[in-house]
Amino acid sequence: MATYIYETVPDSPGESVRRFEVKQSMKDAPLTHDPETGKPVRRVISGGLAIMTGRRGLATTGSGSAARQHSCAGGSCGCC
């Protein structure tokens, strides 16, 4: 079971947003309404821990005077 973050969709610019977590199977359809208030909701996309292996897409850091290798063309994006 995965934990998903949802937030209510505000009706007006000053309305507060309520965020909540729901444990769901990855096969379940996303929620469309807040179970407590009935307001429309959207799923929040958040970062997570990703472990990448293999030659492609792996950012590695050498020790000492070894050069750094990045999948983002030299680390210019600020990811490392």
N, C-alpha and C. Protein backbone atom coordinates (compact mmCIF):
# COMPACT_ATOMS: atom_id res chain seq x y z
N MET A 1 0.84 -1.18 0.00
CA MET A 1 0.00 0.00 0.00
C MET A 1 0.88 1.25 0.00
N ALA A 2 0.52 2.18 -0.83
CA ALA A 2 1.24 3.45 -0.92
C ALA A 2 0.47 4.51 -0.15
N THR A 3 1.18 5.52 0.32
CA THR A 3 0.54 6.66 0.98
C THR A 3 0.56 7.82 0.02
N TYR A 4 -0.61 8.36 -0.29
CA TYR A 4 -0.75 9.49 -1.21
C TYR A 4 -1.17 10.73 -0.45
N ILE A 5 -0.67 11.87 -0.89
CA ILE A 5 -1.05 13.16 -0.31
C ILE A 5 -2.07 13.80 -1.24
N TYR A 6 -3.15 14.28 -0.66
CA TYR A 6 -4.18 15.00 -1.40
C TYR A 6 -4.36 16.37 -0.78
N GLU A 7 -4.88 17.32 -1.59
CA GLU A 7 -5.24 18.62 -1.06
C GLU A 7 -6.56 19.06 -1.69
N THR A 8 -7.33 19.81 -0.91
CA THR A 8 -8.60 20.31 -1.42
C THR A 8 -8.33 21.40 -2.45
N VAL A 9 -9.22 21.52 -3.42
CA VAL A 9 -9.11 22.55 -4.45
C VAL A 9 -9.94 23.74 -3.97
N PRO A 10 -9.28 24.89 -3.75
CA PRO A 10 -10.03 26.04 -3.22
C PRO A 10 -11.02 26.60 -4.25
N ASP A 11 -12.17 27.06 -3.75
CA ASP A 11 -13.19 27.68 -4.59
C ASP A 11 -12.84 29.13 -4.92
N SER A 12 -12.12 29.79 -4.00
CA SER A 12 -11.75 31.19 -4.19
C SER A 12 -10.28 31.37 -3.79
N PRO A 13 -9.64 32.46 -4.25
CA PRO A 13 -8.21 32.65 -3.99
C PRO A 13 -7.82 32.69 -2.51
N GLY A 14 -8.66 33.19 -1.63
CA GLY A 14 -8.30 33.29 -0.21
C GLY A 14 -8.63 32.07 0.62
N GLU A 15 -9.27 31.09 0.04
CA GLU A 15 -9.70 29.91 0.78
C GLU A 15 -8.52 29.02 1.15
N SER A 16 -8.53 28.52 2.38
CA SER A 16 -7.43 27.66 2.82
C SER A 16 -7.54 26.28 2.19
N VAL A 17 -6.38 25.65 2.05
CA VAL A 17 -6.29 24.31 1.46
C VAL A 17 -6.05 23.31 2.58
N ARG A 18 -6.76 22.20 2.55
CA ARG A 18 -6.56 21.14 3.54
C ARG A 18 -5.80 20.01 2.88
N ARG A 19 -4.67 19.62 3.49
CA ARG A 19 -3.88 18.49 2.99
C ARG A 19 -4.08 17.31 3.92
N PHE A 20 -4.14 16.11 3.31
CA PHE A 20 -4.29 14.90 4.10
C PHE A 20 -3.67 13.74 3.35
N GLU A 21 -3.37 12.67 4.08
CA GLU A 21 -2.76 11.48 3.51
C GLU A 21 -3.76 10.33 3.51
N VAL A 22 -3.67 9.50 2.46
CA VAL A 22 -4.54 8.33 2.34
C VAL A 22 -3.69 7.16 1.89
N LYS A 23 -3.83 6.02 2.57
CA LYS A 23 -3.17 4.79 2.12
C LYS A 23 -4.07 4.12 1.10
N GLN A 24 -3.52 3.89 -0.09
CA GLN A 24 -4.27 3.27 -1.17
C GLN A 24 -3.39 2.30 -1.92
N SER A 25 -4.01 1.36 -2.56
CA SER A 25 -3.29 0.48 -3.48
C SER A 25 -2.94 1.30 -4.71
N MET A 26 -1.86 0.95 -5.37
CA MET A 26 -1.47 1.64 -6.59
C MET A 26 -2.50 1.40 -7.70
N LYS A 27 -3.30 0.37 -7.55
CA LYS A 27 -4.33 0.05 -8.54
C LYS A 27 -5.60 0.86 -8.33
N ASP A 28 -5.78 1.46 -7.15
CA ASP A 28 -6.97 2.24 -6.86
C ASP A 28 -6.98 3.54 -7.65
N ALA A 29 -8.16 3.96 -8.04
CA ALA A 29 -8.31 5.25 -8.71
C ALA A 29 -8.05 6.38 -7.70
N PRO A 30 -7.50 7.50 -8.15
CA PRO A 30 -7.28 8.63 -7.23
C PRO A 30 -8.61 9.14 -6.68
N LEU A 31 -8.57 9.68 -5.46
CA LEU A 31 -9.77 10.28 -4.88
C LEU A 31 -10.16 11.52 -5.68
N THR A 32 -11.43 11.80 -5.72
CA THR A 32 -11.91 13.01 -6.39
C THR A 32 -12.52 14.00 -5.39
N HIS A 33 -12.88 13.50 -4.19
CA HIS A 33 -13.47 14.35 -3.16
C HIS A 33 -12.91 14.00 -1.79
N ASP A 34 -12.81 15.01 -0.93
CA ASP A 34 -12.33 14.84 0.45
C ASP A 34 -13.35 14.00 1.22
N PRO A 35 -12.91 12.90 1.83
CA PRO A 35 -13.85 12.05 2.57
C PRO A 35 -14.50 12.76 3.75
N GLU A 36 -13.86 13.79 4.32
CA GLU A 36 -14.43 14.51 5.46
C GLU A 36 -15.37 15.64 5.07
N THR A 37 -14.97 16.43 4.05
CA THR A 37 -15.73 17.63 3.71
C THR A 37 -16.53 17.51 2.41
N GLY A 38 -16.16 16.57 1.56
CA GLY A 38 -16.83 16.42 0.28
C GLY A 38 -16.34 17.37 -0.80
N LYS A 39 -15.36 18.22 -0.46
CA LYS A 39 -14.82 19.17 -1.44
C LYS A 39 -13.96 18.43 -2.47
N PRO A 40 -13.85 18.99 -3.68
CA PRO A 40 -12.98 18.37 -4.69
C PRO A 40 -11.52 18.38 -4.24
N VAL A 41 -10.78 17.33 -4.60
CA VAL A 41 -9.37 17.24 -4.23
C VAL A 41 -8.51 16.90 -5.45
N ARG A 42 -7.21 17.15 -5.29
CA ARG A 42 -6.23 16.74 -6.29
C ARG A 42 -5.09 16.04 -5.56
N ARG A 43 -4.47 15.09 -6.24
CA ARG A 43 -3.33 14.38 -5.67
C ARG A 43 -2.10 15.25 -5.80
N VAL A 44 -1.32 15.33 -4.75
CA VAL A 44 -0.11 16.13 -4.73
C VAL A 44 1.06 15.24 -5.13
N ILE A 45 1.83 15.68 -6.09
CA ILE A 45 3.02 14.95 -6.50
C ILE A 45 4.18 15.44 -5.64
N SER A 46 4.81 14.52 -4.94
CA SER A 46 5.92 14.90 -4.07
C SER A 46 7.13 14.04 -4.39
N GLY A 47 8.29 14.52 -4.00
CA GLY A 47 9.52 13.79 -4.23
C GLY A 47 9.63 12.60 -3.31
N GLY A 48 10.50 11.71 -3.67
CA GLY A 48 10.72 10.53 -2.85
C GLY A 48 12.15 10.08 -2.97
N LEU A 49 12.46 9.02 -2.32
CA LEU A 49 13.80 8.46 -2.37
C LEU A 49 13.89 7.54 -3.58
N ALA A 50 14.81 7.85 -4.46
CA ALA A 50 15.00 7.02 -5.65
C ALA A 50 16.43 6.51 -5.66
N ILE A 51 16.56 5.25 -5.85
CA ILE A 51 17.89 4.64 -5.95
C ILE A 51 18.08 4.20 -7.37
N MET A 52 19.07 4.78 -8.02
CA MET A 52 19.31 4.48 -9.42
C MET A 52 20.56 3.62 -9.55
N THR A 53 20.48 2.62 -10.36
CA THR A 53 21.64 1.77 -10.60
C THR A 53 21.87 1.63 -12.09
N GLY A 54 23.00 1.13 -12.44
CA GLY A 54 23.32 0.96 -13.86
C GLY A 54 24.12 2.12 -14.39
N ARG A 55 24.38 2.11 -15.67
CA ARG A 55 25.21 3.14 -16.27
C ARG A 55 24.45 4.40 -16.62
N ARG A 56 23.23 4.29 -17.04
CA ARG A 56 22.47 5.47 -17.46
C ARG A 56 21.78 6.12 -16.27
N GLY A 57 21.85 7.45 -16.23
CA GLY A 57 21.12 8.19 -15.21
C GLY A 57 21.73 8.16 -13.84
N LEU A 58 22.91 7.62 -13.68
CA LEU A 58 23.53 7.51 -12.37
C LEU A 58 24.50 8.65 -12.16
N ALA A 59 24.28 9.43 -11.16
CA ALA A 59 25.20 10.50 -10.81
C ALA A 59 26.20 9.94 -9.80
N THR A 60 27.47 9.97 -10.13
CA THR A 60 28.49 9.43 -9.24
C THR A 60 29.48 10.53 -8.89
N THR A 61 30.06 10.40 -7.74
CA THR A 61 31.06 11.35 -7.29
C THR A 61 32.33 10.59 -6.99
N GLY A 62 33.39 11.00 -7.63
CA GLY A 62 34.68 10.38 -7.37
C GLY A 62 35.32 10.97 -6.15
N SER A 63 36.31 10.28 -5.59
CA SER A 63 37.01 10.80 -4.42
C SER A 63 38.34 11.41 -4.86
N GLY A 64 38.86 12.30 -4.05
CA GLY A 64 40.14 12.93 -4.37
C GLY A 64 40.04 13.81 -5.60
N SER A 65 40.99 13.64 -6.53
CA SER A 65 41.02 14.49 -7.72
C SER A 65 40.20 13.91 -8.87
N ALA A 66 39.49 12.82 -8.63
CA ALA A 66 38.69 12.22 -9.69
C ALA A 66 37.57 13.17 -10.10
N ALA A 67 37.28 13.20 -11.36
CA ALA A 67 36.24 14.09 -11.89
C ALA A 67 34.86 13.56 -11.54
N ARG A 68 33.93 14.46 -11.37
CA ARG A 68 32.54 14.08 -11.11
C ARG A 68 31.86 13.78 -12.44
N GLN A 69 30.97 12.80 -12.43
CA GLN A 69 30.20 12.47 -13.61
C GLN A 69 28.72 12.60 -13.26
N HIS A 70 27.98 13.28 -14.11
CA HIS A 70 26.56 13.52 -13.85
C HIS A 70 25.76 13.24 -15.12
N SER A 71 24.53 12.79 -14.92
CA SER A 71 23.63 12.58 -16.05
C SER A 71 23.07 13.90 -16.56
N CYS A 72 23.29 14.97 -15.82
CA CYS A 72 22.74 16.29 -16.20
C CYS A 72 23.81 17.16 -16.87
N ALA A 73 24.72 16.56 -17.54
CA ALA A 73 25.75 17.28 -18.32
C ALA A 73 26.70 18.09 -17.44
N GLY A 74 27.29 17.44 -16.49
CA GLY A 74 28.33 18.10 -15.70
C GLY A 74 27.89 18.72 -14.42
N GLY A 75 26.66 18.50 -13.99
CA GLY A 75 26.21 19.02 -12.71
C GLY A 75 25.82 20.48 -12.77
N SER A 76 25.67 21.06 -13.93
CA SER A 76 25.34 22.47 -14.06
C SER A 76 23.93 22.80 -13.58
N CYS A 77 23.10 21.77 -13.39
CA CYS A 77 21.73 22.03 -12.94
C CYS A 77 21.65 22.25 -11.43
N GLY A 78 22.72 21.97 -10.70
CA GLY A 78 22.72 22.16 -9.27
C GLY A 78 22.24 20.96 -8.49
N CYS A 79 22.12 19.80 -9.14
CA CYS A 79 21.60 18.62 -8.44
C CYS A 79 22.65 17.99 -7.53
N CYS A 80 23.90 18.31 -7.70
CA CYS A 80 24.94 17.69 -6.89
C CYS A 80 25.81 18.71 -6.19
